[in-house]
Amino acid sequence: MGHPLWPLFDLRLRVEDFELRPPTDDDLVELLAVAKSGIHPPEEMPFAVPWTDPPSPQFERNFAPYYWAMRATWSPTSWELPFAVAWNAEIVGIQSLGAKDFAVLRTVGTGSWLGQAFQGQGIGRLMRQAVLALAFDHLGAEVATSAAFLDNPASSRVSESIGYEPNGTDRLAPRGIAREMRRYRLTLEGWRARPRPEVRVEGVEGCLELFGVPRRPQMT
């Protein structure tokens, strides 16, 4: 029996010692604590939207509604799914997967953040590959995109190590000053061209229509 209100709450991605799951409100409380402990030095801004800048209590008041809005505005033609990333049952950050007109474009984008205490340990690479396995191997994605500011080499290294290829540049100004951003692109062929970690996906069948993917016919 699936979740009676929101089938996505049944979705689980498991890889090595990690579990990725759509965050419940209890998970959001833990995620808030991780975010408040620090994600990046205050003089840096790795995000296109400077959501870590507001002072307390505005920071706390913005946090949960941002994730609630993803549920409330979900449609098969425009969706973004955050996953709480738990390492040995301890929540360490967020890995998101999103798309517009997925049924036609078969293209997904990703975004993520990790508490500073968990950075530099290969976690970002593993959790990105977990959602890419969902996208390419279970939802029928053909392209995945990502981007990183030029002064955020750690994010670029994750993309390059997974096999993304450079795909041009862009400019954004999260704090009102224009900064260069490098775009990346990974195709289905590129995804399948090298060994990947084993990702166990549970609960996806009940969610396919929410992603704009037709349900698979029942075998008789």
C-alpha atoms as a PDB file:
ATOM      1  CA  MET A   1       0.000   0.000   0.000  1.00  0.00           C
ATOM      2  CA  GLY A   2       1.541   3.289  -1.107  1.00  0.00           C
ATOM      3  CA  HIS A   3       1.429   6.604   0.691  1.00  0.00           C
ATOM      4  CA  PRO A   4      -2.226   7.740   0.707  1.00  0.00           C
ATOM      5  CA  LEU A   5      -1.466  11.422   0.029  1.00  0.00           C
ATOM      6  CA  TRP A   6       1.800  11.744  -1.878  1.00  0.00           C
ATOM      7  CA  PRO A   7       3.243   8.692  -3.693  1.00  0.00           C
ATOM      8  CA  LEU A   8       6.664  10.335  -3.922  1.00  0.00           C
ATOM      9  CA  PHE A   9       7.108   9.783  -0.182  1.00  0.00           C
ATOM     10  CA  ASP A  10       7.494   6.074  -1.020  1.00  0.00           C
ATOM     11  CA  LEU A  11      10.443   6.705  -3.356  1.00  0.00           C
ATOM     12  CA  ARG A  12      13.849   5.512  -2.122  1.00  0.00           C
ATOM     13  CA  LEU A  13      17.275   5.513  -3.761  1.00  0.00           C
ATOM     14  CA  ARG A  14      19.911   3.442  -1.991  1.00  0.00           C
ATOM     15  CA  VAL A  15      23.599   3.386  -2.894  1.00  0.00           C
ATOM     16  CA  GLU A  16      26.369   2.081  -0.649  1.00  0.00           C
ATOM     17  CA  ASP A  17      25.729   3.534   2.858  1.00  0.00           C
ATOM     18  CA  PHE A  18      23.380   6.248   1.580  1.00  0.00           C
ATOM     19  CA  GLU A  19      19.618   6.577   1.326  1.00  0.00           C
ATOM     20  CA  LEU A  20      17.987   9.348  -0.672  1.00  0.00           C
ATOM     21  CA  ARG A  21      14.311  10.092   0.003  1.00  0.00           C
ATOM     22  CA  PRO A  22      11.898  12.988  -0.546  1.00  0.00           C
ATOM     23  CA  PRO A  23      12.049  14.902   2.742  1.00  0.00           C
ATOM     24  CA  THR A  24       9.211  14.740   5.213  1.00  0.00           C
ATOM     25  CA  ASP A  25       8.626  17.665   7.554  1.00  0.00           C
ATOM     26  CA  ASP A  26      10.647  15.852  10.226  1.00  0.00           C
ATOM     27  CA  ASP A  27      13.510  15.552   7.730  1.00  0.00           C
ATOM     28  CA  LEU A  28      13.256  19.291   7.034  1.00  0.00           C
ATOM     29  CA  VAL A  29      13.937  19.995  10.703  1.00  0.00           C
ATOM     30  CA  GLU A  30      17.164  17.986  10.467  1.00  0.00           C
ATOM     31  CA  LEU A  31      18.085  19.561   7.135  1.00  0.00           C
ATOM     32  CA  LEU A  32      17.608  23.027   8.607  1.00  0.00           C
ATOM     33  CA  ALA A  33      20.075  22.196  11.374  1.00  0.00           C
ATOM     34  CA  VAL A  34      22.627  21.022   8.794  1.00  0.00           C
ATOM     35  CA  ALA A  35      22.136  24.152   6.684  1.00  0.00           C
ATOM     36  CA  LYS A  36      22.483  26.445   9.703  1.00  0.00           C
ATOM     37  CA  SER A  37      25.739  24.742  10.666  1.00  0.00           C
ATOM     38  CA  GLY A  38      27.207  26.037   7.408  1.00  0.00           C
ATOM     39  CA  ILE A  39      27.337  25.108   3.733  1.00  0.00           C
ATOM     40  CA  HIS A  40      29.911  27.563   2.394  1.00  0.00           C
ATOM     41  CA  PRO A  41      32.130  30.388   3.682  1.00  0.00           C
ATOM     42  CA  PRO A  42      30.102  33.604   4.059  1.00  0.00           C
ATOM     43  CA  GLU A  43      32.214  35.433   1.465  1.00  0.00           C
ATOM     44  CA  GLU A  44      31.334  32.810  -1.176  1.00  0.00           C
ATOM     45  CA  MET A  45      28.011  32.130  -2.936  1.00  0.00           C
ATOM     46  CA  PRO A  46      27.819  28.866  -4.897  1.00  0.00           C
ATOM     47  CA  PHE A  47      24.065  29.112  -5.565  1.00  0.00           C
ATOM     48  CA  ALA A  48      22.198  30.920  -8.336  1.00  0.00           C
ATOM     49  CA  VAL A  49      19.712  32.124  -5.701  1.00  0.00           C
ATOM     50  CA  PRO A  50      21.432  33.375  -2.503  1.00  0.00           C
ATOM     51  CA  TRP A  51      19.093  31.492  -0.176  1.00  0.00           C
ATOM     52  CA  THR A  52      21.717  31.138   2.543  1.00  0.00           C
ATOM     53  CA  ASP A  53      22.132  34.924   2.965  1.00  0.00           C
ATOM     54  CA  PRO A  54      19.051  35.945   5.030  1.00  0.00           C
ATOM     55  CA  PRO A  55      19.727  36.336   8.763  1.00  0.00           C
ATOM     56  CA  SER A  56      17.848  34.468  11.479  1.00  0.00           C
ATOM     57  CA  PRO A  57      14.875  34.195  11.897  1.00  0.00           C
ATOM     58  CA  GLN A  58      14.116  34.891   8.223  1.00  0.00           C
ATOM     59  CA  PHE A  59      16.417  32.083   7.162  1.00  0.00           C
ATOM     60  CA  GLU A  60      14.459  29.555   9.229  1.00  0.00           C
ATOM     61  CA  ARG A  61      11.091  30.934   8.068  1.00  0.00           C
ATOM     62  CA  ASN A  62      12.110  30.655   4.405  1.00  0.00           C
ATOM     63  CA  PHE A  63      13.478  27.138   4.645  1.00  0.00           C
ATOM     64  CA  ALA A  64      10.489  24.804   4.935  1.00  0.00           C
ATOM     65  CA  PRO A  65       8.126  26.827   2.678  1.00  0.00           C
ATOM     66  CA  TYR A  66      10.665  26.497  -0.140  1.00  0.00           C
ATOM     67  CA  TYR A  67      10.385  22.715  -0.023  1.00  0.00           C
ATOM     68  CA  TRP A  68       6.631  22.785   0.628  1.00  0.00           C
ATOM     69  CA  ALA A  69       6.225  24.863  -2.533  1.00  0.00           C
ATOM     70  CA  MET A  70       7.851  22.119  -4.599  1.00  0.00           C
ATOM     71  CA  ARG A  71       5.067  19.760  -3.524  1.00  0.00           C
ATOM     72  CA  ALA A  72       2.295  22.333  -3.909  1.00  0.00           C
ATOM     73  CA  THR A  73       3.270  23.445  -7.430  1.00  0.00           C
ATOM     74  CA  TRP A  74       4.150  19.994  -8.793  1.00  0.00           C
ATOM     75  CA  SER A  75       2.804  19.020 -12.210  1.00  0.00           C
ATOM     76  CA  PRO A  76       3.912  16.399 -14.754  1.00  0.00           C
ATOM     77  CA  THR A  77       5.054  19.233 -17.044  1.00  0.00           C
ATOM     78  CA  SER A  78       7.061  21.114 -14.407  1.00  0.00           C
ATOM     79  CA  TRP A  79       8.548  19.433 -11.364  1.00  0.00           C
ATOM     80  CA  GLU A  80      11.485  19.530  -8.993  1.00  0.00           C
ATOM     81  CA  LEU A  81      12.095  16.727  -6.532  1.00  0.00           C
ATOM     82  CA  PRO A  82      14.495  17.248  -3.625  1.00  0.00           C
ATOM     83  CA  PHE A  83      15.957  14.204  -1.910  1.00  0.00           C
ATOM     84  CA  ALA A  84      17.191  14.293   1.654  1.00  0.00           C
ATOM     85  CA  VAL A  85      20.541  12.507   1.641  1.00  0.00           C
ATOM     86  CA  ALA A  86      21.086  10.276   4.680  1.00  0.00           C
ATOM     87  CA  TRP A  87      24.507   8.740   5.338  1.00  0.00           C
ATOM     88  CA  ASN A  88      24.316   5.887   7.839  1.00  0.00           C
ATOM     89  CA  ALA A  89      20.949   7.388   8.897  1.00  0.00           C
ATOM     90  CA  GLU A  90      22.435  10.894   9.430  1.00  0.00           C
ATOM     91  CA  ILE A  91      21.041  13.567   7.118  1.00  0.00           C
ATOM     92  CA  VAL A  92      23.863  15.444   5.392  1.00  0.00           C
ATOM     93  CA  GLY A  93      22.252  17.521   2.622  1.00  0.00           C
ATOM     94  CA  ILE A  94      19.960  17.715  -0.393  1.00  0.00           C
ATOM     95  CA  GLN A  95      20.196  16.375  -3.944  1.00  0.00           C
ATOM     96  CA  SER A  96      17.470  17.558  -6.305  1.00  0.00           C
ATOM     97  CA  LEU A  97      16.269  16.448  -9.726  1.00  0.00           C
ATOM     98  CA  GLY A  98      13.977  18.587 -11.874  1.00  0.00           C
ATOM     99  CA  ALA A  99      12.510  18.928 -15.355  1.00  0.00           C
ATOM    100  CA  LYS A 100      10.133  20.882 -17.554  1.00  0.00           C
ATOM    101  CA  ASP A 101       8.123  19.157 -20.302  1.00  0.00           C
ATOM    102  CA  PHE A 102       9.948  15.948 -19.459  1.00  0.00           C
ATOM    103  CA  ALA A 103       7.617  13.763 -21.528  1.00  0.00           C
ATOM    104  CA  VAL A 104       8.772  15.596 -24.658  1.00  0.00           C
ATOM    105  CA  LEU A 105      12.288  16.863 -23.888  1.00  0.00           C
ATOM    106  CA  ARG A 106      13.523  13.934 -21.753  1.00  0.00           C
ATOM    107  CA  THR A 107      15.953  16.340 -20.087  1.00  0.00           C
ATOM    108  CA  VAL A 108      16.617  16.732 -16.371  1.00  0.00           C
ATOM    109  CA  GLY A 109      18.643  19.157 -14.310  1.00  0.00           C
ATOM    110  CA  THR A 110      20.235  18.674 -10.903  1.00  0.00           C
ATOM    111  CA  GLY A 111      21.173  20.778  -7.900  1.00  0.00           C
ATOM    112  CA  SER A 112      22.555  19.987  -4.481  1.00  0.00           C
ATOM    113  CA  TRP A 113      24.047  21.163  -1.213  1.00  0.00           C
ATOM    114  CA  LEU A 114      25.992  19.474   1.571  1.00  0.00           C
ATOM    115  CA  GLY A 115      26.844  20.565   5.079  1.00  0.00           C
ATOM    116  CA  GLN A 116      30.462  21.680   5.235  1.00  0.00           C
ATOM    117  CA  ALA A 117      31.326  18.860   7.641  1.00  0.00           C
ATOM    118  CA  PHE A 118      30.481  16.338   4.906  1.00  0.00           C
ATOM    119  CA  GLN A 119      32.207  17.960   1.929  1.00  0.00           C
ATOM    120  CA  GLY A 120      35.327  16.646   0.251  1.00  0.00           C
ATOM    121  CA  GLN A 121      34.525  12.981   0.917  1.00  0.00           C
ATOM    122  CA  GLY A 122      33.048  11.947  -2.440  1.00  0.00           C
ATOM    123  CA  ILE A 123      29.463  12.214  -1.190  1.00  0.00           C
ATOM    124  CA  GLY A 124      28.453  14.773  -3.821  1.00  0.00           C
ATOM    125  CA  ARG A 125      29.548  12.502  -6.647  1.00  0.00           C
ATOM    126  CA  LEU A 126      27.688   9.503  -5.256  1.00  0.00           C
ATOM    127  CA  MET A 127      24.401  11.297  -4.551  1.00  0.00           C
ATOM    128  CA  ARG A 128      24.417  12.927  -8.017  1.00  0.00           C
ATOM    129  CA  GLN A 129      24.835   9.513  -9.629  1.00  0.00           C
ATOM    130  CA  ALA A 130      21.953   8.172  -7.534  1.00  0.00           C
ATOM    131  CA  VAL A 131      19.451  10.635  -9.023  1.00  0.00           C
ATOM    132  CA  LEU A 132      20.971  10.200 -12.496  1.00  0.00           C
ATOM    133  CA  ALA A 133      20.340   6.459 -12.179  1.00  0.00           C
ATOM    134  CA  LEU A 134      16.703   7.245 -11.398  1.00  0.00           C
ATOM    135  CA  ALA A 135      16.477   9.603 -14.375  1.00  0.00           C
ATOM    136  CA  PHE A 136      18.305   7.564 -17.013  1.00  0.00           C
ATOM    137  CA  ASP A 137      17.530   4.004 -15.927  1.00  0.00           C
ATOM    138  CA  HIS A 138      13.956   4.346 -14.632  1.00  0.00           C
ATOM    139  CA  LEU A 139      12.335   7.497 -16.050  1.00  0.00           C
ATOM    140  CA  GLY A 140      13.703   7.398 -19.600  1.00  0.00           C
ATOM    141  CA  ALA A 141      15.814  10.568 -19.530  1.00  0.00           C
ATOM    142  CA  GLU A 142      18.063  11.212 -22.527  1.00  0.00           C
ATOM    143  CA  VAL A 143      19.991  14.280 -21.305  1.00  0.00           C
ATOM    144  CA  ALA A 144      21.052  15.656 -17.909  1.00  0.00           C
ATOM    145  CA  THR A 145      22.342  19.184 -17.388  1.00  0.00           C
ATOM    146  CA  SER A 146      24.202  20.939 -14.617  1.00  0.00           C
ATOM    147  CA  ALA A 147      26.088  24.185 -14.060  1.00  0.00           C
ATOM    148  CA  ALA A 148      28.630  25.684 -11.696  1.00  0.00           C
ATOM    149  CA  PHE A 149      30.184  29.093 -11.165  1.00  0.00           C
ATOM    150  CA  LEU A 150      33.803  29.276 -12.297  1.00  0.00           C
ATOM    151  CA  ASP A 151      34.853  29.986  -8.713  1.00  0.00           C
ATOM    152  CA  ASN A 152      33.179  26.760  -7.503  1.00  0.00           C
ATOM    153  CA  PRO A 153      35.660  24.159  -8.816  1.00  0.00           C
ATOM    154  CA  ALA A 154      34.409  21.439  -6.450  1.00  0.00           C
ATOM    155  CA  SER A 155      31.043  21.335  -8.229  1.00  0.00           C
ATOM    156  CA  SER A 156      32.738  21.304 -11.633  1.00  0.00           C
ATOM    157  CA  ARG A 157      34.951  18.407 -10.569  1.00  0.00           C
ATOM    158  CA  VAL A 158      31.884  16.370  -9.613  1.00  0.00           C
ATOM    159  CA  SER A 159      30.311  16.916 -13.038  1.00  0.00           C
ATOM    160  CA  GLU A 160      33.522  16.176 -14.917  1.00  0.00           C
ATOM    161  CA  SER A 161      34.273  13.040 -12.887  1.00  0.00           C
ATOM    162  CA  ILE A 162      30.823  11.648 -13.701  1.00  0.00           C
ATOM    163  CA  GLY A 163      31.308  12.233 -17.425  1.00  0.00           C
ATOM    164  CA  TYR A 164      29.465  15.482 -18.156  1.00  0.00           C
ATOM    165  CA  GLU A 165      30.866  17.471 -21.063  1.00  0.00           C
ATOM    166  CA  PRO A 166      31.235  21.289 -21.160  1.00  0.00           C
ATOM    167  CA  ASN A 167      28.229  22.920 -22.818  1.00  0.00           C
ATOM    168  CA  GLY A 168      28.940  26.639 -22.951  1.00  0.00           C
ATOM    169  CA  THR A 169      28.815  29.404 -20.378  1.00  0.00           C
ATOM    170  CA  ASP A 170      26.261  31.655 -18.763  1.00  0.00           C
ATOM    171  CA  ARG A 171      26.197  34.686 -16.466  1.00  0.00           C
ATOM    172  CA  LEU A 172      24.214  35.123 -13.250  1.00  0.00           C
ATOM    173  CA  ALA A 173      24.324  37.657 -10.431  1.00  0.00           C
ATOM    174  CA  PRO A 174      23.098  36.026  -7.196  1.00  0.00           C
ATOM    175  CA  ARG A 175      24.395  38.930  -5.092  1.00  0.00           C
ATOM    176  CA  GLY A 176      23.987  41.652  -7.699  1.00  0.00           C
ATOM    177  CA  ILE A 177      27.401  41.190  -9.303  1.00  0.00           C
ATOM    178  CA  ALA A 178      27.682  39.321 -12.616  1.00  0.00           C
ATOM    179  CA  ARG A 179      29.620  36.066 -12.427  1.00  0.00           C
ATOM    180  CA  GLU A 180      30.549  33.506 -15.059  1.00  0.00           C
ATOM    181  CA  MET A 181      28.992  30.064 -14.931  1.00  0.00           C
ATOM    182  CA  ARG A 182      30.017  26.929 -16.822  1.00  0.00           C
ATOM    183  CA  ARG A 183      27.250  24.662 -18.138  1.00  0.00           C
ATOM    184  CA  TYR A 184      27.549  20.883 -18.425  1.00  0.00           C
ATOM    185  CA  ARG A 185      25.664  18.182 -20.339  1.00  0.00           C
ATOM    186  CA  LEU A 186      25.518  14.389 -19.994  1.00  0.00           C
ATOM    187  CA  THR A 187      23.728  12.181 -22.536  1.00  0.00           C
ATOM    188  CA  LEU A 188      22.245   8.732 -22.055  1.00  0.00           C
ATOM    189  CA  GLU A 189      25.097   7.349 -24.153  1.00  0.00           C
ATOM    190  CA  GLY A 190      27.627   9.060 -21.902  1.00  0.00           C
ATOM    191  CA  TRP A 191      25.886   7.704 -18.823  1.00  0.00           C
ATOM    192  CA  ARG A 192      26.064   4.158 -20.160  1.00  0.00           C
ATOM    193  CA  ALA A 193      29.639   4.484 -21.398  1.00  0.00           C
ATOM    194  CA  ARG A 194      31.291   3.774 -18.043  1.00  0.00           C
ATOM    195  CA  PRO A 195      30.662   1.700 -14.911  1.00  0.00           C
ATOM    196  CA  ARG A 196      28.281   3.223 -12.367  1.00  0.00           C
ATOM    197  CA  PRO A 197      27.603   2.456  -8.705  1.00  0.00           C
ATOM    198  CA  GLU A 198      24.706   0.123  -8.038  1.00  0.00           C
ATOM    199  CA  VAL A 199      21.637   2.183  -7.131  1.00  0.00           C
ATOM    200  CA  ARG A 200      18.599   0.379  -5.746  1.00  0.00           C
ATOM    201  CA  VAL A 201      15.412   2.245  -6.614  1.00  0.00           C
ATOM    202  CA  GLU A 202      12.179   1.529  -4.739  1.00  0.00           C
ATOM    203  CA  GLY A 203       8.686   2.937  -5.127  1.00  0.00           C
ATOM    204  CA  VAL A 204       9.109   4.441  -8.591  1.00  0.00           C
ATOM    205  CA  GLU A 205       6.240   2.569 -10.258  1.00  0.00           C
ATOM    206  CA  GLY A 206       3.605   4.453  -8.269  1.00  0.00           C
ATOM    207  CA  CYS A 207       5.165   7.799  -9.206  1.00  0.00           C
ATOM    208  CA  LEU A 208       5.653   7.512 -12.971  1.00  0.00           C
ATOM    209  CA  GLU A 209       2.590   9.532 -13.973  1.00  0.00           C
ATOM    210  CA  LEU A 210       3.690  12.354 -11.668  1.00  0.00           C
ATOM    211  CA  PHE A 211       6.929  12.588 -13.671  1.00  0.00           C
ATOM    212  CA  GLY A 212       5.054  12.642 -16.986  1.00  0.00           C
ATOM    213  CA  VAL A 213       6.059   9.030 -17.725  1.00  0.00           C
ATOM    214  CA  PRO A 214       3.343   6.563 -18.784  1.00  0.00           C
ATOM    215  CA  ARG A 215       2.822   3.627 -16.451  1.00  0.00           C
ATOM    216  CA  ARG A 216       4.340   0.405 -17.677  1.00  0.00           C
ATOM    217  CA  PRO A 217       1.766  -2.180 -18.740  1.00  0.00           C
ATOM    218  CA  GLN A 218       1.031  -4.876 -16.177  1.00  0.00           C
ATOM    219  CA  MET A 219       2.372  -8.302 -17.075  1.00  0.00           C
ATOM    220  CA  THR A 220      -0.185 -11.143 -17.058  1.00  0.00           C
END
